[in-house]
Amino acid sequence: MQQSSKKVINAWAMYDWANSAYNLVITSTVFPAYYESITGDGNPLTTDRVRFLGYDFVNSSLYNYALAFAFLVVAIISPLLSSIADTRGNKKSFMGFFLTMGSIACCTLFFFNKETLWIGLLSTIIACIGYWASLVFYNSYLPEIAPYEERDRVSAKGFAYGYVGSVILQLICFLFILKPDWFGIKDGSFAPRLSFLLVGFWWFGFAQIPLKRLPVYRPHNIDPRKSAITNGYRELQKVWHELKQLPSLRRFLASFFFYDISVQTVMLVAALYGTSELQIPTTNLIVSIVLIQLVAIPGAFLISKLSQLIGNIPALMVCVVAWIGLCIGGYLLPTGDINKFYALAVGIGFIMGGIQSLSRSTYSKLMPQTKDTTSFFSFFDVTEKIAIVIGTFLFGLITQFTGSQRTSVLVLIAFFVIGLLLLLYTLQAQRSRPLASETLEVEKNLTA
């Protein structure tokens, strides 16, 4: 497969720069804090509840349910859309559509206030769908633009771009939020709502770079007598049949499913956990979020280096063990202990970028040489989205019934342990059983 120039690889990484602002400002920092203030009663000793569609919910649980619904939608639509994109050669168009939809939804969060909860939830769902659906098309470019031996590094580069870009916009947003008088802002809700607007413009604006420079592919495997959906479904069937012939890839997806349940849930609920469960002041929470993003940059590259020394799957096992320790630390962390919270944030930041980057590149290495990269990555994407649906829903459900997010953390630890055991099984199975001829060299590298 022909590989691309450094210019194209840098343009590809710029999409991480563009969309990570959503992941940081909307998912992790400003929006969760704003949502908590809009839907809470301001009393840390009570459980905040909100009424929506005629039912009472714990406010954090309702937010988790909304995210779970969005991820479920992505899990349902992405496989068929991906296979259509492969047959039509138009995955860049799909990527552009979803990133535009997501960025517009971020802008509409500007109108979210106490009287318009439905706008906040609906925009959150649409933005989430736009972000995650665009990623399956974006991720599928990795095996097409990067040589096999460079995929860990290129994947890490994308995440590093994302951390830098998101921190820059985050700091701009913090200026408006923490120093509103500098800009003549008197309405306390205006600064966070302006942040949501800025995320939409940032995401859409910088995404034009990869949309301009990423390659366009010719349609293939199309029956002109049949519709795009029929051709796409046929392509999906073909890729599913190929996937069944790759046992190592299936085993990896199973392990990824379980440990990613916890990874993604931690990333999605960390800010709410810090504010509502640990009672960390907003200023200190902001500092910890910036720490996480900055530490994640060297973390992504160093874990990529670790994979070169011991192999991808053993490196992932090291990451999962570290995550288990961090979750235990988060469960035991005393309420209001800011210094220990900072230490926890540094640990999460270092491991967070590494395990995401390495999971993506490991999957791309296990894939066969194929033109159907988007369809193959749709299975990776669906695995991730179903994991997020289960993780966020269970976290919200357990919190709803127990009134404590700490109990939910115990469930996340259990998923990490299952993922670790499956990674170990994958490693042992690869070393003890003959491998299919088409993936022999790949798996030798992965389990070196």
Protein backbone atom coordinates (compact mmCIF):
# COMPACT_ATOMS: atom_id res chain seq x y z
CA MET A 1 0.00 0.00 0.00
CA GLN A 2 1.43 3.38 -0.98
CA GLN A 3 2.37 5.57 1.98
CA SER A 4 2.00 9.35 2.18
CA SER A 5 4.33 12.28 2.63
CA LYS A 6 5.20 13.99 5.89
CA LYS A 7 2.96 16.87 4.82
CA VAL A 8 -0.06 14.58 4.57
CA ILE A 9 0.74 12.92 7.92
CA ASN A 10 0.96 16.33 9.61
CA ALA A 11 -2.36 17.33 8.03
CA TRP A 12 -3.90 14.10 9.32
CA ALA A 13 -2.61 14.86 12.83
CA MET A 14 -4.18 18.33 12.60
CA TYR A 15 -7.61 16.77 12.86
CA ASP A 16 -6.67 15.70 16.38
CA TRP A 17 -5.68 19.33 16.98
CA ALA A 18 -9.10 20.44 15.69
CA ASN A 19 -11.45 17.99 17.40
CA SER A 20 -9.68 17.56 20.74
CA ALA A 21 -10.97 20.96 21.79
CA TYR A 22 -14.41 19.34 21.92
CA ASN A 23 -13.09 16.45 23.97
CA LEU A 24 -11.44 18.73 26.52
CA VAL A 25 -13.76 21.74 26.80
CA ILE A 26 -17.12 20.04 26.18
CA THR A 27 -16.53 16.54 27.49
CA SER A 28 -14.02 17.03 30.29
CA THR A 29 -13.94 20.54 31.76
CA VAL A 30 -16.12 23.56 31.07
CA PHE A 31 -19.35 21.88 30.02
CA PRO A 32 -19.55 19.34 32.92
CA ALA A 33 -18.92 22.16 35.42
CA TYR A 34 -21.47 24.39 33.71
CA TYR A 35 -23.99 21.53 33.53
CA GLU A 36 -23.48 20.87 37.25
CA SER A 37 -24.10 24.54 38.09
CA ILE A 38 -27.18 24.76 35.85
CA THR A 39 -28.82 21.57 37.13
CA GLY A 40 -27.58 21.58 40.75
CA ASP A 41 -28.91 23.29 43.88
CA GLY A 42 -25.53 24.53 45.08
CA ASN A 43 -25.62 22.42 48.26
CA PRO A 44 -22.77 19.86 48.35
CA LEU A 45 -24.57 17.86 51.05
CA THR A 46 -27.55 16.97 48.86
CA THR A 47 -27.93 14.83 45.74
CA ASP A 48 -28.76 17.07 42.80
CA ARG A 49 -31.80 15.95 40.85
CA VAL A 50 -33.41 17.23 37.67
CA ARG A 51 -36.77 16.62 36.02
CA PHE A 52 -36.77 15.75 32.34
CA LEU A 53 -39.51 14.26 30.13
CA GLY A 54 -41.69 13.79 33.21
CA TYR A 55 -39.11 11.79 35.20
CA ASP A 56 -36.74 12.64 38.02
CA PHE A 57 -33.04 11.90 37.50
CA VAL A 58 -29.82 12.44 39.39
CA ASN A 59 -28.33 15.20 37.26
CA SER A 60 -25.04 13.37 36.59
CA SER A 61 -26.93 10.19 35.68
CA LEU A 62 -29.09 12.04 33.13
CA TYR A 63 -25.92 13.40 31.53
CA ASN A 64 -24.43 9.90 31.38
CA TYR A 65 -27.63 8.52 29.84
CA ALA A 66 -27.54 11.20 27.13
CA LEU A 67 -23.96 10.29 26.26
CA ALA A 68 -24.77 6.58 26.26
CA PHE A 69 -27.61 7.19 23.78
CA ALA A 70 -25.29 9.17 21.48
CA PHE A 71 -22.68 6.41 21.49
CA LEU A 72 -25.36 3.83 20.76
CA VAL A 73 -26.43 5.79 17.68
CA VAL A 74 -22.82 5.91 16.45
CA ALA A 75 -22.39 2.18 17.06
CA ILE A 76 -25.47 1.46 14.95
CA ILE A 77 -24.74 3.75 11.97
CA SER A 78 -20.96 3.67 11.62
CA PRO A 79 -20.46 0.13 10.20
CA LEU A 80 -22.82 0.62 7.27
CA LEU A 81 -21.64 4.19 6.58
CA SER A 82 -18.03 3.01 6.70
CA SER A 83 -18.62 0.24 4.19
CA ILE A 84 -20.43 2.71 1.90
CA ALA A 85 -17.44 5.05 2.21
CA ASP A 86 -15.06 2.24 1.23
CA THR A 87 -17.04 1.26 -1.86
CA ARG A 88 -17.67 4.86 -2.94
CA GLY A 89 -14.21 6.17 -2.02
CA ASN A 90 -15.80 9.15 -0.24
CA LYS A 91 -14.81 8.72 3.40
CA LYS A 92 -13.44 12.27 3.44
CA SER A 93 -16.95 13.52 2.63
CA PHE A 94 -18.42 11.49 5.50
CA MET A 95 -15.74 12.81 7.83
CA GLY A 96 -16.54 16.38 6.72
CA PHE A 97 -20.27 15.89 7.22
CA PHE A 98 -19.98 14.60 10.77
CA LEU A 99 -17.39 17.12 11.92
CA THR A 100 -19.57 19.94 10.55
CA MET A 101 -22.62 18.53 12.36
CA GLY A 102 -20.65 18.23 15.60
CA SER A 103 -19.13 21.70 15.42
CA ILE A 104 -22.53 23.31 14.77
CA ALA A 105 -23.97 21.44 17.77
CA CYS A 106 -21.17 22.84 19.94
CA CYS A 107 -22.14 26.34 18.82
CA THR A 108 -25.81 25.76 19.74
CA LEU A 109 -24.75 24.98 23.34
CA PHE A 110 -24.39 28.76 23.61
CA PHE A 111 -28.19 28.80 24.11
CA PHE A 112 -28.20 26.28 26.98
CA ASN A 113 -29.44 27.70 30.31
CA LYS A 114 -31.75 26.74 33.20
CA GLU A 115 -34.85 27.15 31.04
CA THR A 116 -33.49 25.24 28.04
CA LEU A 117 -32.24 21.94 29.43
CA TRP A 118 -33.50 20.19 26.31
CA ILE A 119 -31.16 22.31 24.15
CA GLY A 120 -28.22 21.34 26.33
CA LEU A 121 -28.98 17.62 26.17
CA LEU A 122 -29.90 17.55 22.47
CA SER A 123 -26.82 19.54 21.45
CA THR A 124 -24.65 17.32 23.65
CA ILE A 125 -25.99 14.22 21.90
CA ILE A 126 -25.55 15.65 18.38
CA ALA A 127 -22.05 16.97 19.12
CA CYS A 128 -21.07 13.60 20.55
CA ILE A 129 -22.37 11.76 17.48
CA GLY A 130 -20.54 14.18 15.18
CA TYR A 131 -17.26 13.83 17.06
CA TRP A 132 -17.17 10.06 17.38
CA ALA A 133 -18.62 9.29 13.94
CA SER A 134 -16.01 11.48 12.26
CA LEU A 135 -13.24 9.64 14.13
CA VAL A 136 -13.90 6.28 12.46
CA PHE A 137 -13.19 7.84 9.05
CA TYR A 138 -10.21 9.77 10.43
CA ASN A 139 -8.68 6.73 12.15
CA SER A 140 -9.00 4.62 9.02
CA TYR A 141 -6.44 6.82 7.25
CA LEU A 142 -3.68 5.66 9.63
CA PRO A 143 -2.76 2.37 7.86
CA GLU A 144 -3.01 4.15 4.50
CA ILE A 145 -0.70 7.08 5.19
CA ALA A 146 1.86 5.59 7.63
CA PRO A 147 4.32 2.70 7.06
CA TYR A 148 3.79 -0.31 9.31
CA GLU A 149 6.84 0.38 11.48
CA GLU A 150 5.86 4.05 11.91
CA ARG A 151 2.23 3.62 12.97
CA ASP A 152 2.82 3.72 16.73
CA ARG A 153 4.75 6.98 16.37
CA VAL A 154 2.30 8.57 13.91
CA SER A 155 -0.66 7.60 16.10
CA ALA A 156 1.10 9.14 19.10
CA LYS A 157 1.80 12.25 17.05
CA GLY A 158 -1.89 12.69 16.36
CA PHE A 159 -2.76 12.49 20.05
CA ALA A 160 0.10 14.89 20.90
CA TYR A 161 -1.24 17.44 18.41
CA GLY A 162 -4.64 17.02 20.02
CA TYR A 163 -3.36 17.68 23.53
CA VAL A 164 -1.46 20.80 22.48
CA GLY A 165 -4.32 22.26 20.46
CA SER A 166 -6.95 21.54 23.09
CA VAL A 167 -4.85 23.09 25.87
CA ILE A 168 -4.37 26.28 23.85
CA LEU A 169 -8.11 26.75 23.36
CA GLN A 170 -8.78 25.63 26.93
CA LEU A 171 -6.51 28.38 28.28
CA ILE A 172 -8.28 30.94 26.08
CA CYS A 173 -11.63 29.79 27.47
CA PHE A 174 -10.29 29.93 31.04
CA LEU A 175 -9.31 33.56 30.52
CA PHE A 176 -12.94 34.42 29.76
CA ILE A 177 -14.23 32.30 32.66
CA LEU A 178 -11.74 33.31 35.37
CA LYS A 179 -11.20 36.94 34.32
CA PRO A 180 -14.54 38.05 32.88
CA ASP A 181 -13.99 41.64 34.02
CA TRP A 182 -11.05 41.94 31.61
CA PHE A 183 -13.53 41.57 28.76
CA GLY A 184 -16.45 43.45 30.29
CA ILE A 185 -18.43 40.25 30.88
CA LYS A 186 -21.01 40.62 33.68
CA ASP A 187 -23.29 37.64 33.03
CA GLY A 188 -21.77 34.65 34.87
CA SER A 189 -23.11 32.17 32.31
CA PHE A 190 -21.83 34.04 29.26
CA ALA A 191 -18.16 33.01 29.50
CA PRO A 192 -18.77 29.23 29.53
CA ARG A 193 -21.39 29.55 26.80
CA LEU A 194 -18.90 31.57 24.75
CA SER A 195 -16.42 28.72 25.26
CA PHE A 196 -18.83 26.29 23.61
CA LEU A 197 -19.14 28.66 20.66
CA LEU A 198 -15.36 28.92 20.34
CA VAL A 199 -15.01 25.12 20.33
CA GLY A 200 -17.37 24.90 17.36
CA PHE A 201 -15.39 27.48 15.37
CA TRP A 202 -12.02 25.97 16.36
CA TRP A 203 -13.09 22.43 15.42
CA PHE A 204 -14.56 23.38 12.06
CA GLY A 205 -11.81 25.86 11.15
CA PHE A 206 -8.74 23.69 11.76
CA ALA A 207 -10.47 20.62 10.30
CA GLN A 208 -10.28 22.27 6.89
CA ILE A 209 -6.54 21.46 6.79
CA PRO A 210 -6.95 17.65 6.77
CA LEU A 211 -10.04 17.93 4.58
CA LYS A 212 -7.91 19.73 2.01
CA ARG A 213 -4.80 17.52 2.12
CA LEU A 214 -5.94 13.98 2.91
CA PRO A 215 -6.10 11.75 -0.19
CA VAL A 216 -9.25 10.92 -2.11
CA TYR A 217 -9.75 7.32 -3.22
CA ARG A 218 -11.52 5.88 -6.22
CA PRO A 219 -14.72 3.83 -5.80
CA HIS A 220 -14.28 0.05 -5.93
CA ASN A 221 -16.34 -3.13 -5.65
CA ILE A 222 -19.54 -1.35 -6.75
CA ASP A 223 -22.41 -3.07 -8.51
CA PRO A 224 -23.95 -0.23 -10.59
CA ARG A 225 -27.31 -2.00 -10.55
CA LYS A 226 -27.58 -1.72 -6.77
CA SER A 227 -27.93 1.17 -4.32
CA ALA A 228 -25.17 2.59 -2.15
CA ILE A 229 -26.72 0.93 0.91
CA THR A 230 -26.86 -2.48 -0.78
CA ASN A 231 -23.25 -2.19 -1.97
CA GLY A 232 -22.22 -1.00 1.47
CA TYR A 233 -23.95 -3.90 3.19
CA ARG A 234 -22.24 -6.35 0.82
CA GLU A 235 -18.87 -4.76 1.64
CA LEU A 236 -19.59 -5.03 5.36
CA GLN A 237 -20.37 -8.73 4.97
CA LYS A 238 -17.09 -9.26 3.13
CA VAL A 239 -15.06 -7.51 5.84
CA TRP A 240 -16.88 -9.44 8.58
CA HIS A 241 -15.97 -12.70 6.85
CA GLU A 242 -12.32 -11.58 6.67
CA LEU A 243 -12.37 -10.58 10.32
CA LYS A 244 -13.52 -14.06 11.31
CA GLN A 245 -10.37 -15.46 9.66
CA LEU A 246 -8.10 -13.30 11.88
CA PRO A 247 -8.23 -14.81 15.37
CA SER A 248 -5.58 -12.48 16.80
CA LEU A 249 -7.59 -9.45 15.73
CA ARG A 250 -10.75 -10.86 17.32
CA ARG A 251 -8.94 -11.58 20.58
CA PHE A 252 -7.51 -8.09 20.67
CA LEU A 253 -10.95 -6.56 20.06
CA ALA A 254 -12.36 -8.56 22.99
CA SER A 255 -9.66 -7.33 25.36
CA PHE A 256 -9.94 -3.78 24.01
CA PHE A 257 -13.69 -3.85 24.61
CA PHE A 258 -13.35 -4.52 28.33
CA TYR A 259 -10.48 -2.23 29.24
CA ASP A 260 -11.84 0.57 27.03
CA ILE A 261 -15.14 0.47 28.94
CA SER A 262 -13.22 1.84 31.89
CA VAL A 263 -10.78 4.11 30.02
CA GLN A 264 -13.52 6.01 28.20
CA THR A 265 -15.81 6.18 31.23
CA VAL A 266 -13.04 7.65 33.39
CA MET A 267 -12.37 10.29 30.74
CA LEU A 268 -16.06 11.15 30.42
CA VAL A 269 -16.96 11.34 34.11
CA ALA A 270 -13.69 12.51 35.68
CA ALA A 271 -14.69 16.17 35.89
CA LEU A 272 -18.09 15.41 37.44
CA TYR A 273 -16.43 12.96 39.84
CA GLY A 274 -13.99 15.65 40.92
CA THR A 275 -16.62 18.31 41.46
CA SER A 276 -19.55 16.39 42.92
CA GLU A 277 -17.89 13.43 44.67
CA LEU A 278 -14.48 14.74 45.75
CA GLN A 279 -15.60 18.36 46.22
CA ILE A 280 -12.54 19.72 44.40
CA PRO A 281 -12.81 23.52 43.89
CA THR A 282 -13.22 24.65 40.29
CA THR A 283 -9.84 26.42 40.17
CA ASN A 284 -7.99 23.31 41.33
CA LEU A 285 -9.99 21.16 38.93
CA ILE A 286 -8.91 23.43 36.08
CA VAL A 287 -5.25 23.10 37.09
CA SER A 288 -5.56 19.31 37.19
CA ILE A 289 -7.15 19.16 33.74
CA VAL A 290 -4.32 21.23 32.24
CA LEU A 291 -1.82 18.95 34.01
CA ILE A 292 -3.47 15.89 32.47
CA GLN A 293 -3.22 17.30 28.94
CA LEU A 294 0.41 18.39 29.30
CA VAL A 295 1.59 15.12 30.85
CA ALA A 296 -0.29 13.13 28.20
CA ILE A 297 2.02 14.42 25.45
CA PRO A 298 5.25 12.78 26.71
CA GLY A 299 3.15 9.84 27.92
CA ALA A 300 1.93 9.05 24.41
CA PHE A 301 5.46 9.11 22.95
CA LEU A 302 7.13 7.22 25.81
CA ILE A 303 4.56 4.43 25.75
CA SER A 304 5.08 4.27 21.97
CA LYS A 305 8.80 3.77 22.71
CA LEU A 306 7.91 1.10 25.27
CA SER A 307 5.97 -0.79 22.62
CA GLN A 308 9.09 -0.87 20.44
CA LEU A 309 11.05 -2.46 23.29
CA ILE A 310 8.61 -5.08 24.58
CA GLY A 311 5.87 -5.28 21.91
CA ASN A 312 2.47 -3.63 21.57
CA ILE A 313 0.38 -6.05 23.61
CA PRO A 314 2.80 -6.28 26.58
CA ALA A 315 2.96 -2.46 26.59
CA LEU A 316 -0.84 -2.32 26.66
CA MET A 317 -0.80 -4.72 29.62
CA VAL A 318 1.53 -2.36 31.49
CA CYS A 319 -0.91 0.49 30.79
CA VAL A 320 -3.92 -1.49 32.04
CA VAL A 321 -2.11 -2.44 35.28
CA ALA A 322 -1.33 1.26 35.80
CA TRP A 323 -5.00 2.13 35.20
CA ILE A 324 -6.10 -0.37 37.85
CA GLY A 325 -3.78 1.28 40.37
CA LEU A 326 -5.09 4.74 39.44
CA CYS A 327 -8.72 3.66 39.82
CA ILE A 328 -7.98 2.21 43.26
CA GLY A 329 -6.33 5.51 44.14
CA GLY A 330 -9.37 7.44 42.90
CA TYR A 331 -11.73 5.25 44.92
CA LEU A 332 -9.71 5.73 48.13
CA LEU A 333 -8.96 9.42 47.57
CA PRO A 334 -10.24 11.50 50.53
CA THR A 335 -12.78 14.20 49.77
CA GLY A 336 -11.14 17.58 49.30
CA ASP A 337 -7.52 16.33 49.27
CA ILE A 338 -6.19 18.57 46.51
CA ASN A 339 -2.55 17.42 46.50
CA LYS A 340 -3.45 13.76 46.11
CA PHE A 341 -5.95 14.75 43.44
CA TYR A 342 -3.13 16.47 41.52
CA ALA A 343 -0.99 13.34 41.81
CA LEU A 344 -3.86 11.24 40.51
CA ALA A 345 -4.33 13.65 37.60
CA VAL A 346 -0.66 13.37 36.60
CA GLY A 347 -0.88 9.58 36.59
CA ILE A 348 -4.07 9.55 34.54
CA GLY A 349 -2.62 12.02 32.05
CA PHE A 350 0.53 10.01 31.48
CA ILE A 351 -1.30 6.74 30.83
CA MET A 352 -4.35 8.20 29.06
CA GLY A 353 -2.67 9.27 25.84
CA GLY A 354 -0.48 6.20 25.66
CA ILE A 355 -3.21 3.58 25.91
CA GLN A 356 -5.46 5.35 23.38
CA SER A 357 -2.68 5.89 20.88
CA LEU A 358 -1.28 2.37 21.25
CA SER A 359 -4.71 0.73 20.98
CA ARG A 360 -5.33 2.50 17.67
CA SER A 361 -1.94 1.63 16.19
CA THR A 362 -2.07 -1.97 17.45
CA TYR A 363 -5.36 -2.51 15.66
CA SER A 364 -3.96 -0.99 12.46
CA LYS A 365 -0.97 -3.37 12.66
CA LEU A 366 -3.19 -6.40 13.11
CA MET A 367 -5.28 -5.49 10.06
CA PRO A 368 -4.48 -7.21 6.75
CA GLN A 369 -3.39 -5.25 3.69
CA THR A 370 -6.72 -4.02 2.34
CA LYS A 371 -8.54 -1.17 0.63
CA ASP A 372 -11.39 -1.58 3.12
CA THR A 373 -9.66 0.28 5.94
CA THR A 374 -12.75 2.26 6.92
CA SER A 375 -14.87 -0.88 7.17
CA PHE A 376 -12.22 -2.60 9.27
CA PHE A 377 -11.91 0.42 11.55
CA SER A 378 -15.69 0.53 11.91
CA PHE A 379 -15.46 -2.70 13.92
CA PHE A 380 -12.84 -1.06 16.15
CA ASP A 381 -15.11 1.97 16.41
CA VAL A 382 -18.23 -0.06 17.22
CA THR A 383 -16.33 -2.00 19.89
CA GLU A 384 -15.29 1.30 21.43
CA LYS A 385 -18.76 2.84 21.26
CA ILE A 386 -20.54 -0.17 22.76
CA ALA A 387 -17.91 -0.13 25.51
CA ILE A 388 -18.69 3.53 26.18
CA VAL A 389 -22.44 2.90 26.16
CA ILE A 390 -22.09 0.15 28.75
CA GLY A 391 -19.58 2.08 30.84
CA THR A 392 -21.43 5.39 31.00
CA PHE A 393 -24.81 3.72 31.47
CA LEU A 394 -23.58 1.50 34.31
CA PHE A 395 -21.75 4.38 35.94
CA GLY A 396 -24.90 6.51 35.83
CA LEU A 397 -27.17 3.64 36.91
CA ILE A 398 -25.04 2.68 39.92
CA THR A 399 -24.75 6.31 40.93
CA GLN A 400 -28.52 6.68 40.54
CA PHE A 401 -29.23 3.81 42.96
CA THR A 402 -26.38 4.25 45.45
CA GLY A 403 -26.07 8.03 45.43
CA SER A 404 -22.27 7.64 45.29
CA GLN A 405 -19.93 7.65 42.31
CA ARG A 406 -17.24 5.82 44.33
CA THR A 407 -19.20 2.57 44.06
CA SER A 408 -19.22 2.97 40.29
CA VAL A 409 -15.41 3.20 40.29
CA LEU A 410 -15.24 -0.35 41.68
CA VAL A 411 -17.07 -1.61 38.60
CA LEU A 412 -14.53 0.14 36.37
CA ILE A 413 -11.70 -1.67 38.19
CA ALA A 414 -13.43 -4.99 37.48
CA PHE A 415 -13.59 -4.23 33.74
CA PHE A 416 -9.89 -3.33 33.71
CA VAL A 417 -9.06 -6.67 35.33
CA ILE A 418 -11.09 -8.57 32.71
CA GLY A 419 -9.35 -6.63 29.92
CA LEU A 420 -5.95 -7.42 31.41
CA LEU A 421 -6.73 -11.15 31.59
CA LEU A 422 -7.89 -11.14 27.97
CA LEU A 423 -4.72 -9.35 26.87
CA LEU A 424 -2.72 -12.01 28.69
CA TYR A 425 -4.74 -14.73 26.97
CA THR A 426 -4.14 -13.07 23.61
CA LEU A 427 -0.42 -12.93 24.24
CA GLN A 428 -0.19 -16.55 25.39
CA ALA A 429 -2.36 -17.82 22.54
CA GLN A 430 -0.23 -16.04 19.95
CA ARG A 431 2.98 -17.48 21.37
CA SER A 432 1.72 -21.05 21.70
CA ARG A 433 -0.36 -21.60 18.56
CA PRO A 434 0.51 -21.35 14.86
CA LEU A 435 -0.65 -18.14 13.23
CA ALA A 436 -2.41 -17.66 9.93
CA SER A 437 0.11 -17.19 7.16
CA GLU A 438 -1.13 -13.75 6.15
CA THR A 439 -0.64 -12.33 9.66
CA LEU A 440 2.40 -14.28 10.86
CA GLU A 441 4.94 -11.50 10.50
CA VAL A 442 2.59 -8.91 11.99
CA GLU A 443 1.93 -10.95 15.13
CA LYS A 444 5.60 -11.77 15.63
CA ASN A 445 6.27 -8.04 15.82
CA LEU A 446 3.36 -7.43 18.17
CA THR A 447 4.47 -10.07 20.66
CA ALA A 448 8.21 -9.57 20.45
